C-alpha atoms as a PDB file:
ATOM      1  CA  MET A   1      37.048  21.147   6.557  1.00  0.00           C
ATOM      2  CA  THR A   2      39.959  18.823   6.105  1.00  0.00           C
ATOM      3  CA  ALA A   3      39.697  15.254   4.911  1.00  0.00           C
ATOM      4  CA  THR A   4      40.710  13.949   8.341  1.00  0.00           C
ATOM      5  CA  MET A   5      37.909  15.903   9.977  1.00  0.00           C
ATOM      6  CA  ILE A   6      35.374  14.478   7.520  1.00  0.00           C
ATOM      7  CA  PHE A   7      36.585  10.949   8.211  1.00  0.00           C
ATOM      8  CA  ASP A   8      36.396  11.595  11.959  1.00  0.00           C
ATOM      9  CA  ILE A   9      32.791  12.736  11.565  1.00  0.00           C
ATOM     10  CA  LEU A  10      31.990   9.649   9.462  1.00  0.00           C
ATOM     11  CA  THR A  11      33.618   7.415  12.065  1.00  0.00           C
ATOM     12  CA  GLY A  12      31.505   9.035  14.772  1.00  0.00           C
ATOM     13  CA  VAL A  13      28.317   8.664  12.722  1.00  0.00           C
ATOM     14  CA  PHE A  14      28.996   4.977  12.021  1.00  0.00           C
ATOM     15  CA  THR A  15      29.756   4.389  15.693  1.00  0.00           C
ATOM     16  CA  VAL A  16      26.530   6.090  16.814  1.00  0.00           C
ATOM     17  CA  ILE A  17      24.507   4.077  14.280  1.00  0.00           C
ATOM     18  CA  GLY A  18      26.174   0.877  15.499  1.00  0.00           C
ATOM     19  CA  VAL A  19      25.455   1.706  19.127  1.00  0.00           C
ATOM     20  CA  PHE A  20      21.828   2.494  18.222  1.00  0.00           C
ATOM     21  CA  PHE A  21      21.334  -0.913  16.583  1.00  0.00           C
ATOM     22  CA  THR A  22      23.048  -2.653  19.507  1.00  0.00           C
ATOM     23  CA  VAL A  23      20.773  -0.894  22.009  1.00  0.00           C
ATOM     24  CA  VAL A  24      17.729  -1.852  19.905  1.00  0.00           C
ATOM     25  CA  ALA A  25      18.921  -5.469  20.000  1.00  0.00           C
ATOM     26  CA  ALA A  26      19.341  -5.339  23.775  1.00  0.00           C
ATOM     27  CA  ILE A  27      15.867  -3.851  24.219  1.00  0.00           C
ATOM     28  CA  GLY A  28      14.470  -6.526  21.895  1.00  0.00           C
ATOM     29  CA  LEU A  29      16.086  -9.266  23.957  1.00  0.00           C
ATOM     30  CA  LEU A  30      14.497  -7.882  27.096  1.00  0.00           C
ATOM     31  CA  ARG A  31      11.064  -6.925  25.781  1.00  0.00           C
ATOM     32  CA  LEU A  32      10.069  -9.460  23.137  1.00  0.00           C
ATOM     33  CA  PRO A  33       7.804 -12.283  24.304  1.00  0.00           C
ATOM     34  CA  ASP A  34       9.324 -15.539  23.001  1.00  0.00           C
ATOM     35  CA  ILE A  35      12.605 -17.074  21.956  1.00  0.00           C
ATOM     36  CA  TYR A  36      11.792 -16.769  18.260  1.00  0.00           C
ATOM     37  CA  SER A  37      11.288 -13.013  18.415  1.00  0.00           C
ATOM     38  CA  ARG A  38      14.341 -12.613  20.625  1.00  0.00           C
ATOM     39  CA  THR A  39      16.619 -14.505  18.273  1.00  0.00           C
ATOM     40  CA  HIS A  40      15.336 -12.355  15.436  1.00  0.00           C
ATOM     41  CA  ALA A  41      16.204  -9.189  17.346  1.00  0.00           C
ATOM     42  CA  ALA A  42      19.596 -10.512  18.348  1.00  0.00           C
ATOM     43  CA  SER A  43      20.582 -11.809  14.944  1.00  0.00           C
ATOM     44  CA  LYS A  44      19.424  -8.824  12.880  1.00  0.00           C
ATOM     45  CA  SER A  45      19.964  -5.741  15.032  1.00  0.00           C
ATOM     46  CA  ALA A  46      23.066  -6.913  16.853  1.00  0.00           C
ATOM     47  CA  THR A  47      24.677  -7.945  13.570  1.00  0.00           C
ATOM     48  CA  LEU A  48      24.033  -4.513  12.085  1.00  0.00           C
ATOM     49  CA  GLY A  49      25.314  -2.836  15.236  1.00  0.00           C
ATOM     50  CA  VAL A  50      28.548  -4.799  15.330  1.00  0.00           C
ATOM     51  CA  MET A  51      29.081  -4.300  11.609  1.00  0.00           C
ATOM     52  CA  PHE A  52      28.722  -0.508  11.860  1.00  0.00           C
ATOM     53  CA  VAL A  53      31.072  -0.313  14.842  1.00  0.00           C
ATOM     54  CA  LEU A  54      33.670  -2.531  13.140  1.00  0.00           C
ATOM     55  CA  PHE A  55      33.416  -0.486   9.960  1.00  0.00           C
ATOM     56  CA  ALA A  56      33.955   2.678  12.027  1.00  0.00           C
ATOM     57  CA  ALA A  57      37.044   1.031  13.528  1.00  0.00           C
ATOM     58  CA  VAL A  58      38.338   0.138  10.035  1.00  0.00           C
ATOM     59  CA  LEU A  59      37.833   3.719   8.923  1.00  0.00           C
ATOM     60  CA  HIS A  60      39.478   5.131  12.045  1.00  0.00           C
ATOM     61  CA  VAL A  61      42.557   2.909  11.793  1.00  0.00           C
ATOM     62  CA  TRP A  62      42.895   3.621   8.100  1.00  0.00           C
ATOM     63  CA  VAL A  63      42.724   7.412   8.536  1.00  0.00           C
ATOM     64  CA  ASP A  64      44.550   7.725  11.867  1.00  0.00           C
ATOM     65  CA  GLN A  65      47.403   5.264  11.350  1.00  0.00           C
ATOM     66  CA  ARG A  66      47.403   4.973   7.542  1.00  0.00           C
ATOM     67  CA  VAL A  67      47.119   1.208   7.915  1.00  0.00           C
ATOM     68  CA  PHE A  68      44.524  -1.015   6.320  1.00  0.00           C
ATOM     69  CA  ASP A  69      43.700  -3.621   8.965  1.00  0.00           C
ATOM     70  CA  ALA A  70      42.312  -6.704   7.258  1.00  0.00           C
ATOM     71  CA  ARG A  71      41.612  -8.345  10.626  1.00  0.00           C
ATOM     72  CA  LEU A  72      38.821  -5.864  11.287  1.00  0.00           C
ATOM     73  CA  LEU A  73      37.297  -6.572   7.882  1.00  0.00           C
ATOM     74  CA  LEU A  74      37.594 -10.306   8.504  1.00  0.00           C
ATOM     75  CA  GLY A  75      35.828  -9.824  11.836  1.00  0.00           C
ATOM     76  CA  LEU A  76      33.095  -7.849  10.085  1.00  0.00           C
ATOM     77  CA  PHE A  77      32.700 -10.572   7.459  1.00  0.00           C
ATOM     78  CA  PHE A  78      32.705 -13.315  10.122  1.00  0.00           C
ATOM     79  CA  VAL A  79      29.955 -11.604  12.120  1.00  0.00           C
ATOM     80  CA  LEU A  80      27.942 -11.048   8.950  1.00  0.00           C
ATOM     81  CA  LEU A  81      28.045 -14.761   8.145  1.00  0.00           C
ATOM     82  CA  THR A  82      27.761 -16.383  11.546  1.00  0.00           C
ATOM     83  CA  ALA A  83      25.346 -14.289  13.626  1.00  0.00           C
ATOM     84  CA  PRO A  84      22.231 -14.750  11.452  1.00  0.00           C
ATOM     85  CA  VAL A  85      23.003 -18.434  10.953  1.00  0.00           C
ATOM     86  CA  GLY A  86      23.434 -18.897  14.705  1.00  0.00           C
ATOM     87  CA  GLY A  87      20.134 -17.148  15.394  1.00  0.00           C
ATOM     88  CA  HIS A  88      18.380 -19.340  12.853  1.00  0.00           C
ATOM     89  CA  LEU A  89      19.854 -22.519  14.337  1.00  0.00           C
ATOM     90  CA  ILE A  90      18.847 -21.516  17.866  1.00  0.00           C
ATOM     91  CA  ALA A  91      15.275 -20.846  16.747  1.00  0.00           C
ATOM     92  CA  ARG A  92      15.179 -24.094  14.780  1.00  0.00           C
ATOM     93  CA  ALA A  93      16.467 -26.073  17.789  1.00  0.00           C
ATOM     94  CA  ALA A  94      13.875 -24.438  20.043  1.00  0.00           C
ATOM     95  CA  HIS A  95      11.115 -25.357  17.600  1.00  0.00           C
ATOM     96  CA  THR A  96      12.402 -28.936  17.357  1.00  0.00           C
ATOM     97  CA  LYS A  97      12.367 -29.237  21.157  1.00  0.00           C
ATOM     98  CA  GLY A  98       8.788 -27.961  21.258  1.00  0.00           C
ATOM     99  CA  VAL A  99       9.282 -24.531  22.784  1.00  0.00           C
ATOM    100  CA  PRO A 100       5.887 -22.873  22.322  1.00  0.00           C
ATOM    101  CA  LEU A 101       5.354 -19.766  20.267  1.00  0.00           C
ATOM    102  CA  TRP A 102       3.951 -16.621  21.819  1.00  0.00           C
ATOM    103  CA  LYS A 103       0.189 -16.944  22.332  1.00  0.00           C
ATOM    104  CA  ASP A 104      -0.548 -14.146  19.839  1.00  0.00           C
ATOM    105  CA  SER A 105       1.665 -15.514  17.057  1.00  0.00           C
ATOM    106  CA  LEU A 106      -0.190 -15.682  13.776  1.00  0.00           C
ATOM    107  CA  GLN A 107       1.802 -18.281  11.855  1.00  0.00           C
ATOM    108  CA  ASP A 108       4.092 -21.204  12.558  1.00  0.00           C
ATOM    109  CA  ALA A 109       6.166 -21.457   9.383  1.00  0.00           C
ATOM    110  CA  LEU A 110       8.031 -24.549  10.582  1.00  0.00           C
ATOM    111  CA  LYS A 111       4.886 -26.519  11.443  1.00  0.00           C
ATOM    112  CA  GLU A 112       4.578 -27.728   7.847  1.00  0.00           C
ATOM    113  CA  ASP A 113       8.096 -29.147   7.960  1.00  0.00           C
ATOM    114  CA  LYS A 114       7.355 -30.874  11.257  1.00  0.00           C
ATOM    115  CA  ASP A 115       4.133 -32.362   9.888  1.00  0.00           C
ATOM    116  CA  LYS A 116       5.963 -33.699   6.814  1.00  0.00           C
ATOM    117  CA  GLY A 117       8.743 -35.161   8.953  1.00  0.00           C
ATOM    118  CA  LEU A 118      11.398 -32.859   7.473  1.00  0.00           C
ATOM    119  CA  GLU A 119      12.515 -31.436  10.787  1.00  0.00           C
END
């Protein structure tokens, strides 16, 4: 096996892993019962999915064209920083507006902050 073939296999594996996490995020958005669970699925799984696909693209461009594309790494870093923060802010805004939790939720971690007036 040549080095290029190994990198092609790695690129394919990273792409498949990324697609898997993205599909899990999409299923979570459709199947989970409330906005808090949905934002969790979107921020965690979708972030991992996009990161794996972008890393596969970095690897592919580096091996295929012998170019290190910093824009892809910047995109990966940007998604890593912004997607979880965005999901947290959406859930926090929903809680502030009084969107109810799912009826079978066991704990409301933000209720203490609301009771203390910190929200």
